[in-house]
Amino acid sequence: MTQSPISGRCLCGACRFTLTGPPNWIGHCCCESCRRATASPYTTWIGQPNGTWKLTGPISTYASSPGRTRGFCTTCGTPMFYETHEAPEERHFYAALLNHPDEINPTEVYHKDEQLGWAHP
């Protein structure tokens, strides 16, 4: 990220987040679960350490699989975050929700074995 803090929001603006520090990582995920949750060929995530983010608004959660939770705006349905028991020290925020998404630079690609042949992050 080029500067801190950075912020983002859902489609309707009811849910907002602010990230106030360097992320643990920024990368694209090509797994089937992320594809289905977002209806897109891959998802770009910001792995943000706990204690360096703030999220406000009407959030609901969904346990998409054991140990994995996805949060979304209850007003407009926009996916907001992902949490996994495999990384309890961080929350993953959708980079596409940033107010200025060009401020980040994804450096990783995860689950390349599940990448669609026509999608190249």
Protein backbone atom coordinates (compact mmCIF):
# COMPACT_ATOMS: atom_id res chain seq x y z
CA MET A 1 0.00 0.00 0.00
CA THR A 2 1.25 3.43 -0.80
CA GLN A 3 -0.19 5.24 2.19
CA SER A 4 -2.02 4.58 5.41
CA PRO A 5 -4.80 4.64 6.31
CA ILE A 6 -6.81 3.43 3.36
CA SER A 7 -10.54 2.88 3.32
CA GLY A 8 -13.31 1.14 1.45
CA ARG A 9 -17.04 0.58 1.46
CA CYS A 10 -19.86 -1.61 0.22
CA LEU A 11 -22.08 -0.74 -2.74
CA CYS A 12 -24.70 1.15 -0.72
CA GLY A 13 -22.18 2.79 1.64
CA ALA A 14 -23.75 1.41 4.83
CA CYS A 15 -20.62 -0.67 5.65
CA ARG A 16 -17.20 0.92 5.69
CA PHE A 17 -13.71 -0.18 6.68
CA THR A 18 -10.41 1.52 7.38
CA LEU A 19 -6.99 -0.19 7.30
CA THR A 20 -4.34 1.56 9.39
CA GLY A 21 -1.06 -0.15 8.87
CA PRO A 22 0.82 -2.41 6.52
CA PRO A 23 -0.97 -5.60 5.48
CA ASN A 24 0.47 -9.04 6.05
CA TRP A 25 0.00 -9.73 2.34
CA ILE A 26 -1.99 -8.73 -0.75
CA GLY A 27 -2.86 -11.34 -3.32
CA HIS A 28 -5.29 -12.95 -5.72
CA CYS A 29 -7.18 -16.12 -4.78
CA CYS A 30 -8.36 -18.43 -7.57
CA CYS A 31 -10.12 -21.04 -5.41
CA GLU A 32 -13.59 -22.29 -6.24
CA SER A 33 -15.00 -21.06 -2.93
CA CYS A 34 -13.92 -17.46 -3.56
CA ARG A 35 -15.13 -17.64 -7.16
CA ARG A 36 -18.58 -18.77 -6.08
CA ALA A 37 -18.80 -16.29 -3.18
CA THR A 38 -18.03 -13.35 -5.47
CA ALA A 39 -19.24 -14.52 -8.90
CA SER A 40 -15.84 -13.56 -10.32
CA PRO A 41 -12.91 -15.57 -11.70
CA TYR A 42 -10.65 -14.63 -8.79
CA THR A 43 -10.70 -12.43 -5.71
CA THR A 44 -8.05 -9.95 -4.62
CA TRP A 45 -7.53 -9.92 -0.86
CA ILE A 46 -5.75 -7.75 1.66
CA GLY A 47 -4.64 -9.82 4.66
CA GLN A 48 -4.85 -7.19 7.41
CA PRO A 49 -3.53 -7.84 10.95
CA ASN A 50 -6.08 -7.67 13.74
CA GLY A 51 -5.86 -4.37 15.58
CA THR A 52 -5.10 -2.45 12.35
CA TRP A 53 -8.59 -2.39 10.86
CA LYS A 54 -11.98 -0.93 11.72
CA LEU A 55 -15.28 -2.09 10.22
CA THR A 56 -18.63 -0.36 10.76
CA GLY A 57 -22.13 -0.95 9.48
CA PRO A 58 -24.78 -3.65 9.37
CA ILE A 59 -22.75 -6.84 8.91
CA SER A 60 -23.99 -10.42 8.79
CA THR A 61 -21.78 -13.48 8.57
CA TYR A 62 -21.99 -16.83 6.85
CA ALA A 63 -19.96 -19.94 7.71
CA SER A 64 -19.00 -20.94 4.18
CA SER A 65 -17.18 -24.06 5.38
CA PRO A 66 -15.84 -25.33 8.72
CA GLY A 67 -13.58 -22.69 10.28
CA ARG A 68 -14.27 -20.11 7.57
CA THR A 69 -16.57 -17.10 7.85
CA ARG A 70 -17.57 -14.56 5.23
CA GLY A 71 -19.02 -11.19 6.20
CA PHE A 72 -21.38 -9.14 4.07
CA CYS A 73 -23.47 -5.97 4.22
CA THR A 74 -27.00 -6.82 5.35
CA THR A 75 -28.38 -3.85 3.39
CA CYS A 76 -26.99 -4.43 -0.12
CA GLY A 77 -25.35 -7.88 0.15
CA THR A 78 -21.83 -6.77 -0.78
CA PRO A 79 -19.20 -9.25 0.46
CA MET A 80 -16.94 -7.39 2.93
CA PHE A 81 -14.45 -9.82 4.51
CA TYR A 82 -13.29 -13.37 5.06
CA GLU A 83 -11.88 -15.03 8.18
CA THR A 84 -10.27 -18.44 8.55
CA HIS A 85 -9.18 -20.50 11.54
CA GLU A 86 -5.90 -20.99 9.68
CA ALA A 87 -5.04 -17.28 10.11
CA PRO A 88 -6.81 -16.11 13.31
CA GLU A 89 -4.47 -13.13 13.61
CA GLU A 90 -5.86 -11.36 10.53
CA ARG A 91 -9.00 -10.54 8.56
CA HIS A 92 -9.08 -10.59 4.77
CA PHE A 93 -10.69 -7.58 3.10
CA TYR A 94 -11.79 -7.37 -0.54
CA ALA A 95 -9.35 -5.09 -2.35
CA ALA A 96 -11.95 -4.17 -4.98
CA LEU A 97 -13.94 -2.35 -2.26
CA LEU A 98 -11.17 0.18 -1.63
CA ASN A 99 -12.03 3.78 -2.37
CA HIS A 100 -8.73 3.97 -4.29
CA PRO A 101 -7.91 0.39 -5.34
CA ASP A 102 -4.90 1.48 -7.38
CA GLU A 103 -3.12 2.18 -4.08
CA ILE A 104 -2.32 -1.50 -3.60
CA ASN A 105 -0.06 -3.91 -5.43
CA PRO A 106 -0.97 -7.61 -5.19
CA THR A 107 2.15 -9.75 -5.11
CA GLU A 108 0.79 -13.29 -4.64
CA VAL A 109 -1.52 -15.72 -6.44
CA TYR A 110 -3.11 -18.45 -4.32
CA HIS A 111 -4.72 -21.72 -5.46
CA LYS A 112 -3.34 -21.48 -8.99
CA ASP A 113 -4.33 -25.12 -9.46
CA GLU A 114 -7.99 -23.98 -9.36
CA GLN A 115 -7.48 -21.02 -11.72
CA LEU A 116 -9.85 -20.85 -14.67
CA GLY A 117 -8.11 -21.25 -18.01
CA TRP A 118 -9.46 -17.94 -19.32
CA ALA A 119 -8.69 -15.87 -16.19
CA HIS A 120 -5.16 -14.61 -15.57
CA PRO A 121 -4.59 -12.48 -12.48
